[in-house]
Amino acid sequence: MRKKSLLYIALAVVVLGVAAAVALFVQFKGSAVAAESDLYVSSRASYAALTDSLMPRIRHHAAFRTYARRLDLADTFKPGHYVLKPGMSVIEVVRMLKLGMQTPVRVTINNVRIPAQLAQKLSRQLDADSTAFMQAFTSKDLAREVGFDSVTLFSMFIPDTYEFYWTVTPEEFVRRMKREYDRFWDGTRDDKRRRSGLSRLEVMTLASIVYEETRQSDEMPRIAGVYVNRLRRGIPLQADPTVKYAMQDFGLRRILYRHLKYPSPYNTYVNKGLPPSPICMPGKNAIDAVLNFEEHDYLFFCARPTFDGYHNFARTLREHNVNARAYSAELNRRKIK
């Protein structure tokens, strides 16, 4: 009888041990993540903030705390963008955060007029704030490092969607954009650029004007051709978008005579040639339109009174004035001031 009791006790111990082992396995190596989710851990976040954000997304909280304590996660976790995937264990989650095994994010930059707007757009997609980005964009040392100055640095950014680690610093972002810029300006584009006689900066600046004049890609090469003709003949560009940029009034719907005299190096009504730097971040379609500008003898263009986004082109001032009066009359009819 005594032997049977000891046997039962031994079996019970084994069963409990197996159960405990299974429980530990499930807690530490079993699935802790039920649904996929994105976890963002800022470089400014505390460990408490990390766990507050993480705990609602995982199971086995006690096991997480135990293993995290063993790996000293509170003092060694890495900021970043992490993807929690179904089936991940507590061990995998802790190690991912400790080793900084980030998943890149897709960052889109386009439709930007000024560096401050770019900084704001980036701060909504990356960890650094807009102030930090602006400090990088205005840094003379950083601009010099990548071959620009603090005024022309903005011409380096090519609109597109890129992959970055969420924690990329603004300085690293600028250096990466320089590599993308060099990749964009391949031999083919530089060969086309030489046809115009413009530098890369001048192409980007002219493209920014073309981009602000129209969103019709098929018309961009013709508008670019007008400006190339005026540059070659020493005629002021007289581009309305440069007036808006000079005044920093992008909501201005009608350029009046008093606006044309606004004193600024960016106002192409009072200054010959191109502005010192782009007046926006031009789309690739506008850049390529400048590189493939249309050869013609037009010197003027004016928006059509049909307001279809296209323009009427003219070779002489007399022709242009006829087009301009028709457009002005339509503005008056629509009471646009």
C-alpha atoms as a PDB file:
ATOM      1  CA  MET A   1       0.000   0.000   0.000  1.00  0.00           C
ATOM      2  CA  ARG A   2       2.841   2.345   0.897  1.00  0.00           C
ATOM      3  CA  LYS A   3       4.515   1.590  -2.455  1.00  0.00           C
ATOM      4  CA  LYS A   4       1.306   2.437  -4.312  1.00  0.00           C
ATOM      5  CA  SER A   5       1.021   5.760  -2.477  1.00  0.00           C
ATOM      6  CA  LEU A   6       4.597   6.644  -3.325  1.00  0.00           C
ATOM      7  CA  LEU A   7       3.965   5.718  -6.944  1.00  0.00           C
ATOM      8  CA  TYR A   8       0.872   7.926  -7.083  1.00  0.00           C
ATOM      9  CA  ILE A   9       2.803  10.766  -5.515  1.00  0.00           C
ATOM     10  CA  ALA A  10       5.624  10.327  -7.997  1.00  0.00           C
ATOM     11  CA  LEU A  11       3.179  10.302 -10.916  1.00  0.00           C
ATOM     12  CA  ALA A  12       1.487  13.403  -9.572  1.00  0.00           C
ATOM     13  CA  VAL A  13       4.839  15.187  -9.339  1.00  0.00           C
ATOM     14  CA  VAL A  14       5.654  14.189 -12.899  1.00  0.00           C
ATOM     15  CA  VAL A  15       2.267  15.347 -14.145  1.00  0.00           C
ATOM     16  CA  LEU A  16       2.617  18.644 -12.322  1.00  0.00           C
ATOM     17  CA  GLY A  17       6.130  19.032 -13.664  1.00  0.00           C
ATOM     18  CA  VAL A  18       4.990  18.363 -17.193  1.00  0.00           C
ATOM     19  CA  ALA A  19       2.097  20.746 -16.764  1.00  0.00           C
ATOM     20  CA  ALA A  20       4.430  23.414 -15.410  1.00  0.00           C
ATOM     21  CA  ALA A  21       6.842  22.820 -18.281  1.00  0.00           C
ATOM     22  CA  VAL A  22       4.021  23.069 -20.806  1.00  0.00           C
ATOM     23  CA  ALA A  23       2.754  26.224 -19.119  1.00  0.00           C
ATOM     24  CA  LEU A  24       6.229  27.759 -19.215  1.00  0.00           C
ATOM     25  CA  PHE A  25       6.648  26.769 -22.854  1.00  0.00           C
ATOM     26  CA  VAL A  26       3.319  28.329 -23.751  1.00  0.00           C
ATOM     27  CA  GLN A  27       4.097  31.464 -21.741  1.00  0.00           C
ATOM     28  CA  PHE A  28       7.574  32.015 -23.169  1.00  0.00           C
ATOM     29  CA  LYS A  29       7.684  30.265 -26.542  1.00  0.00           C
ATOM     30  CA  GLY A  30       4.024  29.948 -27.454  1.00  0.00           C
ATOM     31  CA  SER A  31       2.092  32.537 -29.431  1.00  0.00           C
ATOM     32  CA  ALA A  32       1.954  35.868 -27.637  1.00  0.00           C
ATOM     33  CA  VAL A  33       0.673  37.874 -30.602  1.00  0.00           C
ATOM     34  CA  ALA A  34      -2.783  37.227 -31.997  1.00  0.00           C
ATOM     35  CA  ALA A  35      -3.068  39.954 -34.645  1.00  0.00           C
ATOM     36  CA  GLU A  36      -0.570  41.902 -36.721  1.00  0.00           C
ATOM     37  CA  SER A  37       0.001  45.496 -35.633  1.00  0.00           C
ATOM     38  CA  ASP A  38       2.538  48.290 -35.932  1.00  0.00           C
ATOM     39  CA  LEU A  39       4.409  49.374 -32.829  1.00  0.00           C
ATOM     40  CA  TYR A  40       6.176  52.737 -32.879  1.00  0.00           C
ATOM     41  CA  VAL A  41       8.740  53.338 -30.151  1.00  0.00           C
ATOM     42  CA  SER A  42      10.030  56.902 -30.203  1.00  0.00           C
ATOM     43  CA  SER A  43      13.609  57.782 -29.344  1.00  0.00           C
ATOM     44  CA  ARG A  44      12.038  60.031 -26.712  1.00  0.00           C
ATOM     45  CA  ALA A  45       9.876  57.267 -25.205  1.00  0.00           C
ATOM     46  CA  SER A  46      10.410  55.815 -21.730  1.00  0.00           C
ATOM     47  CA  TYR A  47      10.266  52.090 -21.000  1.00  0.00           C
ATOM     48  CA  ALA A  48       6.943  52.667 -19.263  1.00  0.00           C
ATOM     49  CA  ALA A  49       5.577  54.253 -22.453  1.00  0.00           C
ATOM     50  CA  LEU A  50       6.833  51.273 -24.435  1.00  0.00           C
ATOM     51  CA  THR A  51       5.123  48.724 -22.201  1.00  0.00           C
ATOM     52  CA  ASP A  52       1.913  50.799 -22.063  1.00  0.00           C
ATOM     53  CA  SER A  53       1.735  50.643 -25.834  1.00  0.00           C
ATOM     54  CA  LEU A  54       2.842  47.010 -26.114  1.00  0.00           C
ATOM     55  CA  MET A  55       0.789  45.223 -23.442  1.00  0.00           C
ATOM     56  CA  PRO A  56      -2.645  45.587 -25.106  1.00  0.00           C
ATOM     57  CA  ARG A  57      -1.171  43.904 -28.218  1.00  0.00           C
ATOM     58  CA  ILE A  58       0.266  40.753 -26.588  1.00  0.00           C
ATOM     59  CA  ARG A  59      -0.637  37.935 -24.202  1.00  0.00           C
ATOM     60  CA  HIS A  60       1.450  36.402 -21.377  1.00  0.00           C
ATOM     61  CA  HIS A  61       2.278  39.668 -19.648  1.00  0.00           C
ATOM     62  CA  ALA A  62       3.973  38.005 -16.668  1.00  0.00           C
ATOM     63  CA  ALA A  63       6.253  36.025 -18.950  1.00  0.00           C
ATOM     64  CA  PHE A  64       7.099  39.172 -20.899  1.00  0.00           C
ATOM     65  CA  ARG A  65       8.074  41.026 -17.757  1.00  0.00           C
ATOM     66  CA  THR A  66      10.168  38.087 -16.526  1.00  0.00           C
ATOM     67  CA  TYR A  67      12.071  37.665 -19.783  1.00  0.00           C
ATOM     68  CA  ALA A  68      12.408  41.412 -20.327  1.00  0.00           C
ATOM     69  CA  ARG A  69      13.919  41.730 -16.847  1.00  0.00           C
ATOM     70  CA  ARG A  70      16.341  38.884 -17.591  1.00  0.00           C
ATOM     71  CA  LEU A  71      17.553  40.660 -20.763  1.00  0.00           C
ATOM     72  CA  ASP A  72      17.606  44.088 -19.078  1.00  0.00           C
ATOM     73  CA  LEU A  73      15.188  45.387 -21.726  1.00  0.00           C
ATOM     74  CA  ALA A  74      14.286  48.492 -19.697  1.00  0.00           C
ATOM     75  CA  ASP A  75      17.789  49.866 -20.237  1.00  0.00           C
ATOM     76  CA  THR A  76      18.580  48.376 -23.648  1.00  0.00           C
ATOM     77  CA  PHE A  77      15.426  48.597 -25.798  1.00  0.00           C
ATOM     78  CA  LYS A  78      15.866  50.273 -29.173  1.00  0.00           C
ATOM     79  CA  PRO A  79      13.446  52.838 -30.584  1.00  0.00           C
ATOM     80  CA  GLY A  80      11.922  52.156 -33.972  1.00  0.00           C
ATOM     81  CA  HIS A  81       9.015  50.862 -36.002  1.00  0.00           C
ATOM     82  CA  TYR A  82       8.257  47.222 -35.253  1.00  0.00           C
ATOM     83  CA  VAL A  83       5.705  44.881 -36.781  1.00  0.00           C
ATOM     84  CA  LEU A  84       4.148  42.445 -34.336  1.00  0.00           C
ATOM     85  CA  LYS A  85       3.172  39.355 -36.312  1.00  0.00           C
ATOM     86  CA  PRO A  86       0.730  36.608 -35.329  1.00  0.00           C
ATOM     87  CA  GLY A  87       2.452  33.660 -33.682  1.00  0.00           C
ATOM     88  CA  MET A  88       5.408  35.626 -32.293  1.00  0.00           C
ATOM     89  CA  SER A  89       6.453  34.465 -28.823  1.00  0.00           C
ATOM     90  CA  VAL A  90       7.364  36.571 -25.805  1.00  0.00           C
ATOM     91  CA  ILE A  91      11.010  35.692 -26.431  1.00  0.00           C
ATOM     92  CA  GLU A  92      10.822  36.886 -30.049  1.00  0.00           C
ATOM     93  CA  VAL A  93       9.111  40.136 -29.068  1.00  0.00           C
ATOM     94  CA  VAL A  94      11.650  40.953 -26.364  1.00  0.00           C
ATOM     95  CA  ARG A  95      14.624  40.124 -28.567  1.00  0.00           C
ATOM     96  CA  MET A  96      13.192  42.185 -31.431  1.00  0.00           C
ATOM     97  CA  LEU A  97      12.984  45.242 -29.166  1.00  0.00           C
ATOM     98  CA  LYS A  98      16.397  44.647 -27.605  1.00  0.00           C
ATOM     99  CA  LEU A  99      18.214  44.138 -30.917  1.00  0.00           C
ATOM    100  CA  GLY A 100      16.344  46.905 -32.732  1.00  0.00           C
ATOM    101  CA  MET A 101      15.032  44.616 -35.488  1.00  0.00           C
ATOM    102  CA  GLN A 102      13.017  47.362 -37.175  1.00  0.00           C
ATOM    103  CA  THR A 103      10.795  47.181 -40.221  1.00  0.00           C
ATOM    104  CA  PRO A 104      11.334  50.109 -42.638  1.00  0.00           C
ATOM    105  CA  VAL A 105       8.511  52.569 -43.348  1.00  0.00           C
ATOM    106  CA  ARG A 106       7.551  54.078 -46.686  1.00  0.00           C
ATOM    107  CA  VAL A 107       8.037  57.848 -46.777  1.00  0.00           C
ATOM    108  CA  THR A 108       6.441  59.940 -49.513  1.00  0.00           C
ATOM    109  CA  ILE A 109       7.625  63.462 -50.325  1.00  0.00           C
ATOM    110  CA  ASN A 110       5.777  65.494 -52.957  1.00  0.00           C
ATOM    111  CA  ASN A 111       3.624  68.611 -53.404  1.00  0.00           C
ATOM    112  CA  VAL A 112       5.887  70.713 -51.193  1.00  0.00           C
ATOM    113  CA  ARG A 113       6.553  74.413 -51.691  1.00  0.00           C
ATOM    114  CA  ILE A 114       8.972  75.379 -48.917  1.00  0.00           C
ATOM    115  CA  PRO A 115      11.420  73.567 -46.615  1.00  0.00           C
ATOM    116  CA  ALA A 116       9.225  74.156 -43.550  1.00  0.00           C
ATOM    117  CA  GLN A 117       6.372  72.333 -45.268  1.00  0.00           C
ATOM    118  CA  LEU A 118       8.709  69.428 -46.075  1.00  0.00           C
ATOM    119  CA  ALA A 119       9.837  69.327 -42.447  1.00  0.00           C
ATOM    120  CA  GLN A 120       6.226  69.128 -41.273  1.00  0.00           C
ATOM    121  CA  LYS A 121       5.379  66.386 -43.763  1.00  0.00           C
ATOM    122  CA  LEU A 122       8.416  64.325 -42.712  1.00  0.00           C
ATOM    123  CA  SER A 123       7.673  64.757 -39.010  1.00  0.00           C
ATOM    124  CA  ARG A 124       4.307  63.064 -39.617  1.00  0.00           C
ATOM    125  CA  GLN A 125       6.019  60.066 -41.209  1.00  0.00           C
ATOM    126  CA  LEU A 126       9.231  59.721 -39.183  1.00  0.00           C
ATOM    127  CA  ASP A 127      10.269  59.945 -35.535  1.00  0.00           C
ATOM    128  CA  ALA A 128      12.125  63.272 -35.620  1.00  0.00           C
ATOM    129  CA  ASP A 129      10.092  66.452 -35.180  1.00  0.00           C
ATOM    130  CA  SER A 130       9.802  69.304 -37.670  1.00  0.00           C
ATOM    131  CA  THR A 131      12.190  71.522 -35.719  1.00  0.00           C
ATOM    132  CA  ALA A 132      14.953  68.928 -35.988  1.00  0.00           C
ATOM    133  CA  PHE A 133      14.364  68.599 -39.735  1.00  0.00           C
ATOM    134  CA  MET A 134      14.467  72.367 -40.204  1.00  0.00           C
ATOM    135  CA  GLN A 135      17.744  72.550 -38.322  1.00  0.00           C
ATOM    136  CA  ALA A 136      19.180  70.018 -40.767  1.00  0.00           C
ATOM    137  CA  PHE A 137      17.740  71.807 -43.811  1.00  0.00           C
ATOM    138  CA  THR A 138      19.290  75.124 -42.734  1.00  0.00           C
ATOM    139  CA  SER A 139      22.641  73.730 -41.565  1.00  0.00           C
ATOM    140  CA  LYS A 140      25.438  75.309 -43.586  1.00  0.00           C
ATOM    141  CA  ASP A 141      27.849  72.548 -42.623  1.00  0.00           C
ATOM    142  CA  LEU A 142      25.502  69.747 -43.659  1.00  0.00           C
ATOM    143  CA  ALA A 143      24.627  71.512 -46.919  1.00  0.00           C
ATOM    144  CA  ARG A 144      28.315  71.958 -47.698  1.00  0.00           C
ATOM    145  CA  GLU A 145      28.950  68.292 -46.930  1.00  0.00           C
ATOM    146  CA  VAL A 146      26.487  67.190 -49.627  1.00  0.00           C
ATOM    147  CA  GLY A 147      27.634  69.793 -52.154  1.00  0.00           C
ATOM    148  CA  PHE A 148      25.052  72.563 -51.742  1.00  0.00           C
ATOM    149  CA  ASP A 149      24.468  75.620 -49.586  1.00  0.00           C
ATOM    150  CA  SER A 150      21.603  76.273 -47.185  1.00  0.00           C
ATOM    151  CA  VAL A 151      19.630  78.140 -49.891  1.00  0.00           C
ATOM    152  CA  THR A 152      20.024  75.615 -52.709  1.00  0.00           C
ATOM    153  CA  LEU A 153      19.790  72.437 -50.581  1.00  0.00           C
ATOM    154  CA  PHE A 154      16.039  72.294 -51.248  1.00  0.00           C
ATOM    155  CA  SER A 155      16.768  71.620 -54.931  1.00  0.00           C
ATOM    156  CA  MET A 156      18.316  68.275 -53.966  1.00  0.00           C
ATOM    157  CA  PHE A 157      15.061  66.591 -52.944  1.00  0.00           C
ATOM    158  CA  ILE A 158      13.454  64.477 -55.650  1.00  0.00           C
ATOM    159  CA  PRO A 159       9.773  63.686 -55.016  1.00  0.00           C
ATOM    160  CA  ASP A 160       9.076  59.975 -54.676  1.00  0.00           C
ATOM    161  CA  THR A 161       8.315  57.278 -52.123  1.00  0.00           C
ATOM    162  CA  TYR A 162      11.342  55.944 -50.261  1.00  0.00           C
ATOM    163  CA  GLU A 163      11.982  53.356 -47.566  1.00  0.00           C
ATOM    164  CA  PHE A 164      13.572  54.557 -44.326  1.00  0.00           C
ATOM    165  CA  TYR A 165      13.953  53.297 -40.822  1.00  0.00           C
ATOM    166  CA  TRP A 166      11.448  55.293 -38.787  1.00  0.00           C
ATOM    167  CA  THR A 167      14.214  56.511 -36.470  1.00  0.00           C
ATOM    168  CA  VAL A 168      16.405  57.948 -39.225  1.00  0.00           C
ATOM    169  CA  THR A 169      17.920  61.239 -38.082  1.00  0.00           C
ATOM    170  CA  PRO A 170      17.349  64.394 -40.161  1.00  0.00           C
ATOM    171  CA  GLU A 171      21.065  64.456 -40.983  1.00  0.00           C
ATOM    172  CA  GLU A 172      20.952  60.853 -42.204  1.00  0.00           C
ATOM    173  CA  PHE A 173      17.828  61.706 -44.188  1.00  0.00           C
ATOM    174  CA  VAL A 174      19.647  64.537 -46.015  1.00  0.00           C
ATOM    175  CA  ARG A 175      22.626  62.304 -46.794  1.00  0.00           C
ATOM    176  CA  ARG A 176      20.327  59.611 -48.169  1.00  0.00           C
ATOM    177  CA  MET A 177      18.551  62.188 -50.334  1.00  0.00           C
ATOM    178  CA  LYS A 178      21.929  63.177 -51.778  1.00  0.00           C
ATOM    179  CA  ARG A 179      22.451  59.565 -52.875  1.00  0.00           C
ATOM    180  CA  GLU A 180      18.977  59.525 -54.424  1.00  0.00           C
ATOM    181  CA  TYR A 181      19.743  62.823 -56.175  1.00  0.00           C
ATOM    182  CA  ASP A 182      22.940  61.406 -57.665  1.00  0.00           C
ATOM    183  CA  ARG A 183      21.039  58.305 -58.767  1.00  0.00           C
ATOM    184  CA  PHE A 184      18.353  60.456 -60.403  1.00  0.00           C
ATOM    185  CA  TRP A 185      20.897  62.461 -62.357  1.00  0.00           C
ATOM    186  CA  ASP A 186      22.136  59.567 -64.435  1.00  0.00           C
ATOM    187  CA  GLY A 187      24.069  59.997 -67.655  1.00  0.00           C
ATOM    188  CA  THR A 188      20.934  60.198 -69.792  1.00  0.00           C
ATOM    189  CA  ARG A 189      19.424  63.094 -67.855  1.00  0.00           C
ATOM    190  CA  ASP A 190      22.727  64.970 -67.735  1.00  0.00           C
ATOM    191  CA  ASP A 191      23.107  64.584 -71.505  1.00  0.00           C
ATOM    192  CA  LYS A 192      19.649  66.086 -72.012  1.00  0.00           C
ATOM    193  CA  ARG A 193      20.442  68.854 -69.522  1.00  0.00           C
ATOM    194  CA  ARG A 194      23.421  69.984 -71.592  1.00  0.00           C
ATOM    195  CA  ARG A 195      21.088  70.632 -74.537  1.00  0.00           C
ATOM    196  CA  SER A 196      19.451  73.427 -72.554  1.00  0.00           C
ATOM    197  CA  GLY A 197      22.715  74.884 -71.279  1.00  0.00           C
ATOM    198  CA  LEU A 198      21.320  74.841 -67.742  1.00  0.00           C
ATOM    199  CA  SER A 199      22.963  73.543 -64.587  1.00  0.00           C
ATOM    200  CA  ARG A 200      21.240  70.929 -62.429  1.00  0.00           C
ATOM    201  CA  LEU A 201      20.167  73.665 -60.018  1.00  0.00           C
ATOM    202  CA  GLU A 202      18.786  75.740 -62.881  1.00  0.00           C
ATOM    203  CA  VAL A 203      16.868  72.755 -64.257  1.00  0.00           C
ATOM    204  CA  MET A 204      15.307  72.116 -60.857  1.00  0.00           C
ATOM    205  CA  THR A 205      14.470  75.805 -60.456  1.00  0.00           C
ATOM    206  CA  LEU A 206      12.892  76.100 -63.898  1.00  0.00           C
ATOM    207  CA  ALA A 207      11.043  72.812 -63.348  1.00  0.00           C
ATOM    208  CA  SER A 208       9.577  74.227 -60.144  1.00  0.00           C
ATOM    209  CA  ILE A 209       8.158  77.177 -62.100  1.00  0.00           C
ATOM    210  CA  VAL A 210       6.759  74.897 -64.798  1.00  0.00           C
ATOM    211  CA  TYR A 211       5.218  72.669 -62.120  1.00  0.00           C
ATOM    212  CA  GLU A 212       3.492  75.659 -60.535  1.00  0.00           C
ATOM    213  CA  GLU A 213       2.246  76.892 -63.907  1.00  0.00           C
ATOM    214  CA  THR A 214       0.432  73.686 -64.866  1.00  0.00           C
ATOM    215  CA  ARG A 215      -0.331  70.163 -63.725  1.00  0.00           C
ATOM    216  CA  GLN A 216      -0.908  69.062 -67.328  1.00  0.00           C
ATOM    217  CA  SER A 217       2.098  66.843 -68.037  1.00  0.00           C
ATOM    218  CA  ASP A 218       1.573  66.922 -71.805  1.00  0.00           C
ATOM    219  CA  GLU A 219       1.817  70.734 -71.825  1.00  0.00           C
ATOM    220  CA  MET A 220       4.861  71.041 -69.567  1.00  0.00           C
ATOM    221  CA  PRO A 221       7.518  70.671 -72.332  1.00  0.00           C
ATOM    222  CA  ARG A 222       5.889  73.507 -74.299  1.00  0.00           C
ATOM    223  CA  ILE A 223       5.825  75.817 -71.273  1.00  0.00           C
ATOM    224  CA  ALA A 224       9.432  74.880 -70.506  1.00  0.00           C
ATOM    225  CA  GLY A 225      10.294  75.809 -74.101  1.00  0.00           C
ATOM    226  CA  VAL A 226       8.808  79.281 -73.616  1.00  0.00           C
ATOM    227  CA  TYR A 227      11.003  79.906 -70.603  1.00  0.00           C
ATOM    228  CA  VAL A 228      14.114  78.528 -72.304  1.00  0.00           C
ATOM    229  CA  ASN A 229      13.442  80.917 -75.221  1.00  0.00           C
ATOM    230  CA  ARG A 230      13.138  83.869 -72.846  1.00  0.00           C
ATOM    231  CA  LEU A 231      16.286  82.905 -70.963  1.00  0.00           C
ATOM    232  CA  ARG A 232      18.270  82.634 -74.192  1.00  0.00           C
ATOM    233  CA  ARG A 233      17.045  86.054 -75.351  1.00  0.00           C
ATOM    234  CA  GLY A 234      17.600  87.749 -72.010  1.00  0.00           C
ATOM    235  CA  ILE A 235      13.879  88.448 -71.540  1.00  0.00           C
ATOM    236  CA  PRO A 236      12.602  88.415 -67.935  1.00  0.00           C
ATOM    237  CA  LEU A 237      10.632  85.238 -67.261  1.00  0.00           C
ATOM    238  CA  GLN A 238       7.687  87.165 -65.770  1.00  0.00           C
ATOM    239  CA  ALA A 239       6.359  84.001 -64.170  1.00  0.00           C
ATOM    240  CA  ASP A 240       3.342  84.598 -61.934  1.00  0.00           C
ATOM    241  CA  PRO A 241       4.165  81.705 -59.543  1.00  0.00           C
ATOM    242  CA  THR A 242       7.417  83.439 -58.609  1.00  0.00           C
ATOM    243  CA  VAL A 243       5.403  86.451 -57.426  1.00  0.00           C
ATOM    244  CA  LYS A 244       3.300  84.236 -55.159  1.00  0.00           C
ATOM    245  CA  TYR A 245       6.460  82.630 -53.803  1.00  0.00           C
ATOM    246  CA  ALA A 246       8.135  86.008 -53.253  1.00  0.00           C
ATOM    247  CA  MET A 247       5.106  87.220 -51.323  1.00  0.00           C
ATOM    248  CA  GLN A 248       4.645  83.821 -49.613  1.00  0.00           C
ATOM    249  CA  ASP A 249       0.978  84.117 -50.544  1.00  0.00           C
ATOM    250  CA  PHE A 250       0.160  80.811 -52.207  1.00  0.00           C
ATOM    251  CA  GLY A 251      -3.571  81.403 -52.037  1.00  0.00           C
ATOM    252  CA  LEU A 252      -3.362  84.463 -54.291  1.00  0.00           C
ATOM    253  CA  ARG A 253      -5.800  83.784 -57.152  1.00  0.00           C
ATOM    254  CA  ARG A 254      -5.190  86.849 -59.289  1.00  0.00           C
ATOM    255  CA  ILE A 255      -1.865  88.594 -59.887  1.00  0.00           C
ATOM    256  CA  LEU A 256      -2.427  92.347 -60.106  1.00  0.00           C
ATOM    257  CA  TYR A 257      -0.078  95.083 -61.292  1.00  0.00           C
ATOM    258  CA  ARG A 258       0.826  96.095 -57.746  1.00  0.00           C
ATOM    259  CA  HIS A 259       2.019  92.546 -57.028  1.00  0.00           C
ATOM    260  CA  LEU A 260       4.461  92.606 -59.937  1.00  0.00           C
ATOM    261  CA  LYS A 261       6.706  95.164 -58.220  1.00  0.00           C
ATOM    262  CA  TYR A 262       7.125  93.180 -55.008  1.00  0.00           C
ATOM    263  CA  PRO A 263      10.835  93.410 -54.092  1.00  0.00           C
ATOM    264  CA  SER A 264      12.390  89.958 -53.895  1.00  0.00           C
ATOM    265  CA  PRO A 265      15.162  88.038 -55.677  1.00  0.00           C
ATOM    266  CA  TYR A 266      12.473  85.446 -56.456  1.00  0.00           C
ATOM    267  CA  ASN A 267      10.220  87.888 -58.347  1.00  0.00           C
ATOM    268  CA  THR A 268      10.969  87.284 -62.036  1.00  0.00           C
ATOM    269  CA  TYR A 269       9.102  90.433 -63.028  1.00  0.00           C
ATOM    270  CA  VAL A 270      11.753  92.645 -61.402  1.00  0.00           C
ATOM    271  CA  ASN A 271      14.754  90.329 -61.927  1.00  0.00           C
ATOM    272  CA  LYS A 272      16.088  88.757 -65.097  1.00  0.00           C
ATOM    273  CA  GLY A 273      16.968  85.085 -65.174  1.00  0.00           C
ATOM    274  CA  LEU A 274      16.014  82.333 -62.782  1.00  0.00           C
ATOM    275  CA  PRO A 275      15.357  82.739 -59.048  1.00  0.00           C
ATOM    276  CA  PRO A 276      18.114  81.711 -56.611  1.00  0.00           C
ATOM    277  CA  SER A 277      16.490  78.324 -55.904  1.00  0.00           C
ATOM    278  CA  PRO A 278      13.309  76.351 -56.673  1.00  0.00           C
ATOM    279  CA  ILE A 279       9.951  77.824 -55.669  1.00  0.00           C
ATOM    280  CA  CYS A 280       8.592  74.350 -54.896  1.00  0.00           C
ATOM    281  CA  MET A 281       9.604  70.708 -55.090  1.00  0.00           C
ATOM    282  CA  PRO A 282       8.809  69.959 -58.744  1.00  0.00           C
ATOM    283  CA  GLY A 283       7.406  66.616 -59.815  1.00  0.00           C
ATOM    284  CA  LYS A 284       9.554  64.316 -61.922  1.00  0.00           C
ATOM    285  CA  ASN A 285       7.237  65.068 -64.848  1.00  0.00           C
ATOM    286  CA  ALA A 286       8.194  68.754 -64.672  1.00  0.00           C
ATOM    287  CA  ILE A 287      11.910  68.002 -64.347  1.00  0.00           C
ATOM    288  CA  ASP A 288      11.811  65.731 -67.378  1.00  0.00           C
ATOM    289  CA  ALA A 289       9.711  68.323 -69.222  1.00  0.00           C
ATOM    290  CA  VAL A 290      12.531  70.859 -68.820  1.00  0.00           C
ATOM    291  CA  LEU A 291      15.080  68.290 -69.976  1.00  0.00           C
ATOM    292  CA  ASN A 292      12.851  67.522 -72.985  1.00  0.00           C
ATOM    293  CA  PHE A 293      11.681  71.090 -73.574  1.00  0.00           C
ATOM    294  CA  GLU A 294       9.858  71.701 -76.832  1.00  0.00           C
ATOM    295  CA  GLU A 295      11.688  73.598 -79.535  1.00  0.00           C
ATOM    296  CA  HIS A 296       9.424  76.399 -80.825  1.00  0.00           C
ATOM    297  CA  ASP A 297       9.331  80.192 -81.135  1.00  0.00           C
ATOM    298  CA  TYR A 298       6.687  80.990 -78.520  1.00  0.00           C
ATOM    299  CA  LEU A 299       7.573  83.703 -75.992  1.00  0.00           C
ATOM    300  CA  PHE A 300       4.272  84.054 -74.125  1.00  0.00           C
ATOM    301  CA  PHE A 301       1.475  81.931 -72.741  1.00  0.00           C
ATOM    302  CA  CYS A 302      -1.709  82.660 -70.835  1.00  0.00           C
ATOM    303  CA  ALA A 303      -4.297  80.442 -69.172  1.00  0.00           C
ATOM    304  CA  ARG A 304      -7.269  79.641 -71.353  1.00  0.00           C
ATOM    305  CA  PRO A 305     -10.530  81.372 -70.413  1.00  0.00           C
ATOM    306  CA  THR A 306     -12.140  77.912 -70.457  1.00  0.00           C
ATOM    307  CA  PHE A 307     -10.293  77.152 -67.188  1.00  0.00           C
ATOM    308  CA  ASP A 308      -9.415  73.646 -68.392  1.00  0.00           C
ATOM    309  CA  GLY A 309      -5.879  73.799 -67.023  1.00  0.00           C
ATOM    310  CA  TYR A 310      -4.297  74.464 -70.410  1.00  0.00           C
ATOM    311  CA  HIS A 311      -2.824  77.639 -71.951  1.00  0.00           C
ATOM    312  CA  ASN A 312      -2.875  79.680 -75.129  1.00  0.00           C
ATOM    313  CA  PHE A 313       0.591  80.364 -76.558  1.00  0.00           C
ATOM    314  CA  ALA A 314       1.756  83.390 -78.514  1.00  0.00           C
ATOM    315  CA  ARG A 315       4.812  84.489 -80.476  1.00  0.00           C
ATOM    316  CA  THR A 316       4.229  88.235 -80.204  1.00  0.00           C
ATOM    317  CA  LEU A 317       3.151  90.583 -77.455  1.00  0.00           C
ATOM    318  CA  ARG A 318       0.151  91.627 -79.546  1.00  0.00           C
ATOM    319  CA  GLU A 319      -1.086  88.034 -79.747  1.00  0.00           C
ATOM    320  CA  HIS A 320      -0.444  87.561 -76.060  1.00  0.00           C
ATOM    321  CA  ASN A 321      -2.391  90.690 -75.103  1.00  0.00           C
ATOM    322  CA  VAL A 322      -5.428  89.363 -76.965  1.00  0.00           C
ATOM    323  CA  ASN A 323      -5.198  86.103 -75.009  1.00  0.00           C
ATOM    324  CA  ALA A 324      -4.618  87.939 -71.731  1.00  0.00           C
ATOM    325  CA  ARG A 325      -7.660  90.207 -72.232  1.00  0.00           C
ATOM    326  CA  ALA A 326      -9.875  87.198 -72.898  1.00  0.00           C
ATOM    327  CA  TYR A 327      -8.661  85.495 -69.733  1.00  0.00           C
ATOM    328  CA  SER A 328      -8.995  88.683 -67.672  1.00  0.00           C
ATOM    329  CA  ALA A 329     -12.551  89.178 -68.909  1.00  0.00           C
ATOM    330  CA  GLU A 330     -13.436  85.665 -67.781  1.00  0.00           C
ATOM    331  CA  LEU A 331     -11.875  86.322 -64.355  1.00  0.00           C
ATOM    332  CA  ASN A 332     -14.058  89.423 -64.064  1.00  0.00           C
ATOM    333  CA  ARG A 333     -17.136  87.507 -65.181  1.00  0.00           C
ATOM    334  CA  ARG A 334     -16.500  84.896 -62.508  1.00  0.00           C
ATOM    335  CA  LYS A 335     -15.774  87.666 -59.965  1.00  0.00           C
ATOM    336  CA  ILE A 336     -12.328  86.278 -59.150  1.00  0.00           C
ATOM    337  CA  LYS A 337     -10.254  88.945 -57.448  1.00  0.00           C
END
